[in-house]
Amino acid sequence: MAPEPEEPSPAAGATVDAPDRNLALELVRVTEVAALASARWVGHGDKESADQAAVDAMRLLLDTVSMDGIVVIGEGEKDEA
């Protein structure tokens, strides 16, 4: 009798429930949407609105990512974001 094959371990960023899921790629998309949202403010001289647009876009997309964790958004003491 041949031994049973071992079950493959999930790929990096994938879960057993969703094997096609890639957390790293989902987070890249979050970064991308933040960059696109803030890019609309380039040349307007309004850094706060650009920051807010990026944060709002990140929060919207992060709400769609299935994960259990803590997300910290901000630049800290640099500009008290």
PDB file of N, CA and C in Angstrom:
ATOM      1  N   MET A   1       0.846  -1.168   0.000  1.00  0.00           N
ATOM      2  CA  MET A   1       0.000   0.000   0.000  1.00  0.00           C
ATOM      3  C   MET A   1       0.898   1.239   0.000  1.00  0.00           C
ATOM      4  N   ALA A   2       0.630   2.174  -0.906  1.00  0.00           N
ATOM      5  CA  ALA A   2       1.429   3.394  -1.023  1.00  0.00           C
ATOM      6  C   ALA A   2       1.032   4.379   0.063  1.00  0.00           C
ATOM      7  N   PRO A   3       2.008   5.123   0.571  1.00  0.00           N
ATOM      8  CA  PRO A   3       1.668   6.131   1.591  1.00  0.00           C
ATOM      9  C   PRO A   3       0.806   7.233   0.980  1.00  0.00           C
ATOM     10  N   GLU A   4      -0.069   7.794   1.819  1.00  0.00           N
ATOM     11  CA  GLU A   4      -0.931   8.884   1.348  1.00  0.00           C
ATOM     12  C   GLU A   4      -0.099  10.149   1.189  1.00  0.00           C
ATOM     13  N   PRO A   5      -0.365  10.920   0.129  1.00  0.00           N
ATOM     14  CA  PRO A   5       0.394  12.161  -0.057  1.00  0.00           C
ATOM     15  C   PRO A   5       0.072  13.166   1.043  1.00  0.00           C
ATOM     16  N   GLU A   6       1.077  13.932   1.403  1.00  0.00           N
ATOM     17  CA  GLU A   6       0.874  14.973   2.407  1.00  0.00           C
ATOM     18  C   GLU A   6       0.078  16.112   1.802  1.00  0.00           C
ATOM     19  N   GLU A   7      -0.730  16.761   2.646  1.00  0.00           N
ATOM     20  CA  GLU A   7      -1.479  17.924   2.174  1.00  0.00           C
ATOM     21  C   GLU A   7      -0.511  19.080   2.023  1.00  0.00           C
ATOM     22  N   PRO A   8      -0.590  19.811   0.911  1.00  0.00           N
ATOM     23  CA  PRO A   8       0.308  20.954   0.750  1.00  0.00           C
ATOM     24  C   PRO A   8      -0.015  22.044   1.756  1.00  0.00           C
ATOM     25  N   SER A   9       1.018  22.709   2.221  1.00  0.00           N
ATOM     26  CA  SER A   9       0.792  23.821   3.136  1.00  0.00           C
ATOM     27  C   SER A   9       0.325  25.022   2.326  1.00  0.00           C
ATOM     28  N   PRO A  10      -0.485  25.906   2.935  1.00  0.00           N
ATOM     29  CA  PRO A  10      -0.963  27.079   2.203  1.00  0.00           C
ATOM     30  C   PRO A  10       0.199  27.952   1.755  1.00  0.00           C
ATOM     31  N   ALA A  11       0.047  28.562   0.601  1.00  0.00           N
ATOM     32  CA  ALA A  11       1.067  29.485   0.093  1.00  0.00           C
ATOM     33  C   ALA A  11       1.144  30.701   0.996  1.00  0.00           C
ATOM     34  N   ALA A  12       2.251  31.410   0.931  1.00  0.00           N
ATOM     35  CA  ALA A  12       2.418  32.615   1.750  1.00  0.00           C
ATOM     36  C   ALA A  12       1.285  33.580   1.464  1.00  0.00           C
ATOM     37  N   GLY A  13       0.608  34.024   2.508  1.00  0.00           N
ATOM     38  CA  GLY A  13      -0.477  34.979   2.342  1.00  0.00           C
ATOM     39  C   GLY A  13      -1.815  34.325   2.064  1.00  0.00           C
ATOM     40  N   ALA A  14      -1.872  33.024   1.877  1.00  0.00           N
ATOM     41  CA  ALA A  14      -3.135  32.346   1.600  1.00  0.00           C
ATOM     42  C   ALA A  14      -3.636  31.676   2.870  1.00  0.00           C
ATOM     43  N   THR A  15      -4.930  31.479   2.942  1.00  0.00           N
ATOM     44  CA  THR A  15      -5.507  30.780   4.073  1.00  0.00           C
ATOM     45  C   THR A  15      -6.099  29.477   3.583  1.00  0.00           C
ATOM     46  N   VAL A  16      -6.388  28.585   4.501  1.00  0.00           N
ATOM     47  CA  VAL A  16      -6.980  27.307   4.132  1.00  0.00           C
ATOM     48  C   VAL A  16      -8.372  27.532   3.547  1.00  0.00           C
ATOM     49  N   ASP A  17      -9.100  28.528   4.067  1.00  0.00           N
ATOM     50  CA  ASP A  17     -10.449  28.813   3.583  1.00  0.00           C
ATOM     51  C   ASP A  17     -10.452  29.416   2.183  1.00  0.00           C
ATOM     52  N   ALA A  18      -9.434  30.144   1.820  1.00  0.00           N
ATOM     53  CA  ALA A  18      -9.372  30.815   0.519  1.00  0.00           C
ATOM     54  C   ALA A  18      -7.979  30.615  -0.071  1.00  0.00           C
ATOM     55  N   PRO A  19      -7.732  29.464  -0.683  1.00  0.00           N
ATOM     56  CA  PRO A  19      -6.374  29.167  -1.150  1.00  0.00           C
ATOM     57  C   PRO A  19      -5.859  30.103  -2.235  1.00  0.00           C
ATOM     58  N   ASP A  20      -6.743  30.768  -2.963  1.00  0.00           N
ATOM     59  CA  ASP A  20      -6.296  31.675  -4.019  1.00  0.00           C
ATOM     60  C   ASP A  20      -6.005  33.077  -3.499  1.00  0.00           C
ATOM     61  N   ARG A  21      -6.224  33.307  -2.232  1.00  0.00           N
ATOM     62  CA  ARG A  21      -6.063  34.633  -1.641  1.00  0.00           C
ATOM     63  C   ARG A  21      -4.587  34.921  -1.389  1.00  0.00           C
ATOM     64  N   ASN A  22      -4.187  36.162  -1.653  1.00  0.00           N
ATOM     65  CA  ASN A  22      -2.811  36.575  -1.415  1.00  0.00           C
ATOM     66  C   ASN A  22      -2.851  37.888  -0.643  1.00  0.00           C
ATOM     67  N   LEU A  23      -2.614  37.814   0.658  1.00  0.00           N
ATOM     68  CA  LEU A  23      -2.703  38.993   1.513  1.00  0.00           C
ATOM     69  C   LEU A  23      -1.737  40.080   1.065  1.00  0.00           C
ATOM     70  N   ALA A  24      -0.542  39.701   0.666  1.00  0.00           N
ATOM     71  CA  ALA A  24       0.444  40.700   0.234  1.00  0.00           C
ATOM     72  C   ALA A  24      -0.079  41.489  -0.958  1.00  0.00           C
ATOM     73  N   LEU A  25      -0.694  40.816  -1.912  1.00  0.00           N
ATOM     74  CA  LEU A  25      -1.232  41.505  -3.084  1.00  0.00           C
ATOM     75  C   LEU A  25      -2.393  42.414  -2.699  1.00  0.00           C
ATOM     76  N   GLU A  26      -3.217  41.974  -1.765  1.00  0.00           N
ATOM     77  CA  GLU A  26      -4.320  42.816  -1.300  1.00  0.00           C
ATOM     78  C   GLU A  26      -3.780  44.089  -0.644  1.00  0.00           C
ATOM     79  N   LEU A  27      -2.702  43.972   0.111  1.00  0.00           N
ATOM     80  CA  LEU A  27      -2.119  45.149   0.753  1.00  0.00           C
ATOM     81  C   LEU A  27      -1.423  46.052  -0.258  1.00  0.00           C
ATOM     82  N   VAL A  28      -0.885  45.478  -1.322  1.00  0.00           N
ATOM     83  CA  VAL A  28      -0.330  46.296  -2.408  1.00  0.00           C
ATOM     84  C   VAL A  28      -1.444  47.131  -3.025  1.00  0.00           C
ATOM     85  N   ARG A  29      -2.607  46.530  -3.202  1.00  0.00           N
ATOM     86  CA  ARG A  29      -3.745  47.272  -3.760  1.00  0.00           C
ATOM     87  C   ARG A  29      -4.176  48.402  -2.834  1.00  0.00           C
ATOM     88  N   VAL A  30      -4.100  48.183  -1.533  1.00  0.00           N
ATOM     89  CA  VAL A  30      -4.416  49.243  -0.569  1.00  0.00           C
ATOM     90  C   VAL A  30      -3.446  50.408  -0.753  1.00  0.00           C
ATOM     91  N   THR A  31      -2.165  50.099  -0.880  1.00  0.00           N
ATOM     92  CA  THR A  31      -1.151  51.135  -1.095  1.00  0.00           C
ATOM     93  C   THR A  31      -1.405  51.869  -2.400  1.00  0.00           C
ATOM     94  N   GLU A  32      -1.754  51.119  -3.434  1.00  0.00           N
ATOM     95  CA  GLU A  32      -2.006  51.711  -4.746  1.00  0.00           C
ATOM     96  C   GLU A  32      -3.191  52.673  -4.706  1.00  0.00           C
ATOM     97  N   VAL A  33      -4.279  52.276  -4.072  1.00  0.00           N
ATOM     98  CA  VAL A  33      -5.457  53.141  -4.032  1.00  0.00           C
ATOM     99  C   VAL A  33      -5.170  54.404  -3.220  1.00  0.00           C
ATOM    100  N   ALA A  34      -4.340  54.300  -2.191  1.00  0.00           N
ATOM    101  CA  ALA A  34      -3.964  55.480  -1.409  1.00  0.00           C
ATOM    102  C   ALA A  34      -3.134  56.444  -2.254  1.00  0.00           C
ATOM    103  N   ALA A  35      -2.206  55.902  -3.020  1.00  0.00           N
ATOM    104  CA  ALA A  35      -1.372  56.743  -3.890  1.00  0.00           C
ATOM    105  C   ALA A  35      -2.215  57.435  -4.950  1.00  0.00           C
ATOM    106  N   LEU A  36      -3.138  56.707  -5.545  1.00  0.00           N
ATOM    107  CA  LEU A  36      -3.993  57.301  -6.577  1.00  0.00           C
ATOM    108  C   LEU A  36      -4.891  58.393  -6.005  1.00  0.00           C
ATOM    109  N   ALA A  37      -5.417  58.162  -4.812  1.00  0.00           N
ATOM    110  CA  ALA A  37      -6.294  59.153  -4.188  1.00  0.00           C
ATOM    111  C   ALA A  37      -5.534  60.428  -3.838  1.00  0.00           C
ATOM    112  N   SER A  38      -4.328  60.284  -3.326  1.00  0.00           N
ATOM    113  CA  SER A  38      -3.555  61.474  -2.944  1.00  0.00           C
ATOM    114  C   SER A  38      -2.961  62.175  -4.158  1.00  0.00           C
ATOM    115  N   ALA A  39      -2.744  61.441  -5.243  1.00  0.00           N
ATOM    116  CA  ALA A  39      -2.163  62.039  -6.455  1.00  0.00           C
ATOM    117  C   ALA A  39      -3.052  63.130  -7.035  1.00  0.00           C
ATOM    118  N   ARG A  40      -4.331  63.033  -6.794  1.00  0.00           N
ATOM    119  CA  ARG A  40      -5.258  64.061  -7.296  1.00  0.00           C
ATOM    120  C   ARG A  40      -4.990  65.424  -6.670  1.00  0.00           C
ATOM    121  N   TRP A  41      -4.287  65.441  -5.558  1.00  0.00           N
ATOM    122  CA  TRP A  41      -4.010  66.687  -4.845  1.00  0.00           C
ATOM    123  C   TRP A  41      -2.638  67.269  -5.175  1.00  0.00           C
ATOM    124  N   VAL A  42      -1.858  66.590  -5.993  1.00  0.00           N
ATOM    125  CA  VAL A  42      -0.521  67.073  -6.348  1.00  0.00           C
ATOM    126  C   VAL A  42      -0.641  68.430  -7.031  1.00  0.00           C
ATOM    127  N   GLY A  43       0.160  69.375  -6.561  1.00  0.00           N
ATOM    128  CA  GLY A  43       0.176  70.708  -7.153  1.00  0.00           C
ATOM    129  C   GLY A  43      -0.854  71.661  -6.587  1.00  0.00           C
ATOM    130  N   HIS A  44      -1.673  71.211  -5.652  1.00  0.00           N
ATOM    131  CA  HIS A  44      -2.704  72.070  -5.066  1.00  0.00           C
ATOM    132  C   HIS A  44      -2.223  72.776  -3.801  1.00  0.00           C
ATOM    133  N   GLY A  45      -1.068  72.375  -3.285  1.00  0.00           N
ATOM    134  CA  GLY A  45      -0.544  73.006  -2.077  1.00  0.00           C
ATOM    135  C   GLY A  45      -1.362  72.698  -0.836  1.00  0.00           C
ATOM    136  N   ASP A  46      -2.047  71.564  -0.820  1.00  0.00           N
ATOM    137  CA  ASP A  46      -2.911  71.212   0.305  1.00  0.00           C
ATOM    138  C   ASP A  46      -2.550  69.809   0.800  1.00  0.00           C
ATOM    139  N   LYS A  47      -1.442  69.736   1.563  1.00  0.00           N
ATOM    140  CA  LYS A  47      -0.935  68.448   2.045  1.00  0.00           C
ATOM    141  C   LYS A  47      -1.952  67.713   2.914  1.00  0.00           C
ATOM    142  N   GLU A  48      -2.680  68.448   3.739  1.00  0.00           N
ATOM    143  CA  GLU A  48      -3.648  67.814   4.634  1.00  0.00           C
ATOM    144  C   GLU A  48      -4.749  67.100   3.852  1.00  0.00           C
ATOM    145  N   SER A  49      -5.241  67.722   2.783  1.00  0.00           N
ATOM    146  CA  SER A  49      -6.282  67.078   1.974  1.00  0.00           C
ATOM    147  C   SER A  49      -5.737  65.858   1.248  1.00  0.00           C
ATOM    148  N   ALA A  50      -4.485  65.938   0.805  1.00  0.00           N
ATOM    149  CA  ALA A  50      -3.858  64.786   0.151  1.00  0.00           C
ATOM    150  C   ALA A  50      -3.715  63.634   1.144  1.00  0.00           C
ATOM    151  N   ASP A  51      -3.259  63.948   2.360  1.00  0.00           N
ATOM    152  CA  ASP A  51      -3.138  62.925   3.403  1.00  0.00           C
ATOM    153  C   ASP A  51      -4.500  62.316   3.718  1.00  0.00           C
ATOM    154  N   GLN A  52      -5.516  63.165   3.855  1.00  0.00           N
ATOM    155  CA  GLN A  52      -6.854  62.677   4.195  1.00  0.00           C
ATOM    156  C   GLN A  52      -7.422  61.795   3.089  1.00  0.00           C
ATOM    157  N   ALA A  53      -7.197  62.185   1.841  1.00  0.00           N
ATOM    158  CA  ALA A  53      -7.671  61.378   0.710  1.00  0.00           C
ATOM    159  C   ALA A  53      -7.021  59.997   0.732  1.00  0.00           C
ATOM    160  N   ALA A  54      -5.726  59.952   1.021  1.00  0.00           N
ATOM    161  CA  ALA A  54      -5.016  58.673   1.086  1.00  0.00           C
ATOM    162  C   ALA A  54      -5.541  57.806   2.227  1.00  0.00           C
ATOM    163  N   VAL A  55      -5.712  58.395   3.391  1.00  0.00           N
ATOM    164  CA  VAL A  55      -6.199  57.651   4.556  1.00  0.00           C
ATOM    165  C   VAL A  55      -7.615  57.135   4.308  1.00  0.00           C
ATOM    166  N   ASP A  56      -8.485  57.986   3.764  1.00  0.00           N
ATOM    167  CA  ASP A  56      -9.864  57.565   3.488  1.00  0.00           C
ATOM    168  C   ASP A  56      -9.897  56.398   2.503  1.00  0.00           C
ATOM    169  N   ALA A  57      -9.084  56.484   1.456  1.00  0.00           N
ATOM    170  CA  ALA A  57      -9.036  55.417   0.450  1.00  0.00           C
ATOM    171  C   ALA A  57      -8.504  54.125   1.062  1.00  0.00           C
ATOM    172  N   MET A  58      -7.456  54.243   1.899  1.00  0.00           N
ATOM    173  CA  MET A  58      -6.903  53.052   2.546  1.00  0.00           C
ATOM    174  C   MET A  58      -7.932  52.389   3.444  1.00  0.00           C
ATOM    175  N   ARG A  59      -8.624  53.189   4.226  1.00  0.00           N
ATOM    176  CA  ARG A  59      -9.622  52.625   5.140  1.00  0.00           C
ATOM    177  C   ARG A  59     -10.733  51.906   4.372  1.00  0.00           C
ATOM    178  N   LEU A  60     -11.187  52.521   3.268  1.00  0.00           N
ATOM    179  CA  LEU A  60     -12.237  51.895   2.461  1.00  0.00           C
ATOM    180  C   LEU A  60     -11.804  50.527   1.947  1.00  0.00           C
ATOM    181  N   LEU A  61     -10.599  50.454   1.406  1.00  0.00           N
ATOM    182  CA  LEU A  61     -10.143  49.189   0.842  1.00  0.00           C
ATOM    183  C   LEU A  61      -9.748  48.190   1.928  1.00  0.00           C
ATOM    184  N   LEU A  62      -9.183  48.672   3.030  1.00  0.00           N
ATOM    185  CA  LEU A  62      -8.827  47.760   4.124  1.00  0.00           C
ATOM    186  C   LEU A  62     -10.066  47.079   4.700  1.00  0.00           C
ATOM    187  N   ASP A  63     -11.205  47.765   4.651  1.00  0.00           N
ATOM    188  CA  ASP A  63     -12.444  47.162   5.141  1.00  0.00           C
ATOM    189  C   ASP A  63     -12.845  45.940   4.324  1.00  0.00           C
ATOM    190  N   THR A  64     -12.333  45.817   3.107  1.00  0.00           N
ATOM    191  CA  THR A  64     -12.679  44.679   2.252  1.00  0.00           C
ATOM    192  C   THR A  64     -11.697  43.515   2.407  1.00  0.00           C
ATOM    193  N   VAL A  65     -10.576  43.739   3.100  1.00  0.00           N
ATOM    194  CA  VAL A  65      -9.562  42.699   3.268  1.00  0.00           C
ATOM    195  C   VAL A  65      -9.942  41.829   4.462  1.00  0.00           C
ATOM    196  N   SER A  66     -10.049  40.532   4.216  1.00  0.00           N
ATOM    197  CA  SER A  66     -10.403  39.599   5.272  1.00  0.00           C
ATOM    198  C   SER A  66      -9.145  39.262   6.073  1.00  0.00           C
ATOM    199  N   MET A  67      -9.008  39.910   7.228  1.00  0.00           N
ATOM    200  CA  MET A  67      -7.844  39.660   8.069  1.00  0.00           C
ATOM    201  C   MET A  67      -8.195  39.983   9.507  1.00  0.00           C
ATOM    202  N   ASP A  68      -7.410  39.458  10.402  1.00  0.00           N
ATOM    203  CA  ASP A  68      -7.576  39.717  11.821  1.00  0.00           C
ATOM    204  C   ASP A  68      -6.277  40.343  12.300  1.00  0.00           C
ATOM    205  N   GLY A  69      -6.298  41.653  12.495  1.00  0.00           N
ATOM    206  CA  GLY A  69      -5.072  42.323  12.897  1.00  0.00           C
ATOM    207  C   GLY A  69      -5.317  43.774  13.242  1.00  0.00           C
ATOM    208  N   ILE A  70      -4.259  44.457  13.562  1.00  0.00           N
ATOM    209  CA  ILE A  70      -4.317  45.879  13.895  1.00  0.00           C
ATOM    210  C   ILE A  70      -3.582  46.636  12.808  1.00  0.00           C
ATOM    211  N   VAL A  71      -4.240  47.645  12.263  1.00  0.00           N
ATOM    212  CA  VAL A  71      -3.639  48.466  11.221  1.00  0.00           C
ATOM    213  C   VAL A  71      -3.359  49.838  11.810  1.00  0.00           C
ATOM    214  N   VAL A  72      -2.127  50.298  11.674  1.00  0.00           N
ATOM    215  CA  VAL A  72      -1.737  51.612  12.171  1.00  0.00           C
ATOM    216  C   VAL A  72      -1.462  52.491  10.963  1.00  0.00           C
ATOM    217  N   ILE A  73      -2.211  53.577  10.846  1.00  0.00           N
ATOM    218  CA  ILE A  73      -2.048  54.502   9.730  1.00  0.00           C
ATOM    219  C   ILE A  73      -1.587  55.833  10.302  1.00  0.00           C
ATOM    220  N   GLY A  74      -0.555  56.395   9.733  1.00  0.00           N
ATOM    221  CA  GLY A  74      -0.112  57.708  10.162  1.00  0.00           C
ATOM    222  C   GLY A  74       1.391  57.843  10.098  1.00  0.00           C
ATOM    223  N   GLU A  75       1.830  59.064  10.238  1.00  0.00           N
ATOM    224  CA  GLU A  75       3.255  59.363  10.192  1.00  0.00           C
ATOM    225  C   GLU A  75       3.808  59.628  11.579  1.00  0.00           C
ATOM    226  N   GLY A  76       2.959  59.498  12.577  1.00  0.00           N
ATOM    227  CA  GLY A  76       3.415  59.683  13.940  1.00  0.00           C
ATOM    228  C   GLY A  76       3.714  61.130  14.265  1.00  0.00           C
ATOM    229  N   GLU A  77       4.822  61.356  14.949  1.00  0.00           N
ATOM    230  CA  GLU A  77       5.163  62.683  15.436  1.00  0.00           C
ATOM    231  C   GLU A  77       5.521  63.659  14.331  1.00  0.00           C
ATOM    232  N   LYS A  78       5.843  63.153  13.149  1.00  0.00           N
ATOM    233  CA  LYS A  78       6.290  64.017  12.060  1.00  0.00           C
ATOM    234  C   LYS A  78       5.309  65.162  11.821  1.00  0.00           C
ATOM    235  N   ASP A  79       4.021  64.822  11.643  1.00  0.00           N
ATOM    236  CA  ASP A  79       3.029  65.879  11.453  1.00  0.00           C
ATOM    237  C   ASP A  79       1.750  65.575  12.229  1.00  0.00           C
ATOM    238  N   GLU A  80       1.881  64.730  13.259  1.00  0.00           N
ATOM    239  CA  GLU A  80       0.768  64.347  14.120  1.00  0.00           C
ATOM    240  C   GLU A  80      -0.396  63.766  13.335  1.00  0.00           C
ATOM    241  N   ALA A  81      -0.098  63.013  12.276  1.00  0.00           N
ATOM    242  CA  ALA A  81      -1.157  62.402  11.452  1.00  0.00           C
ATOM    243  C   ALA A  81      -1.855  61.297  12.216  1.00  0.00           C
TER     244      ALA A  81
END
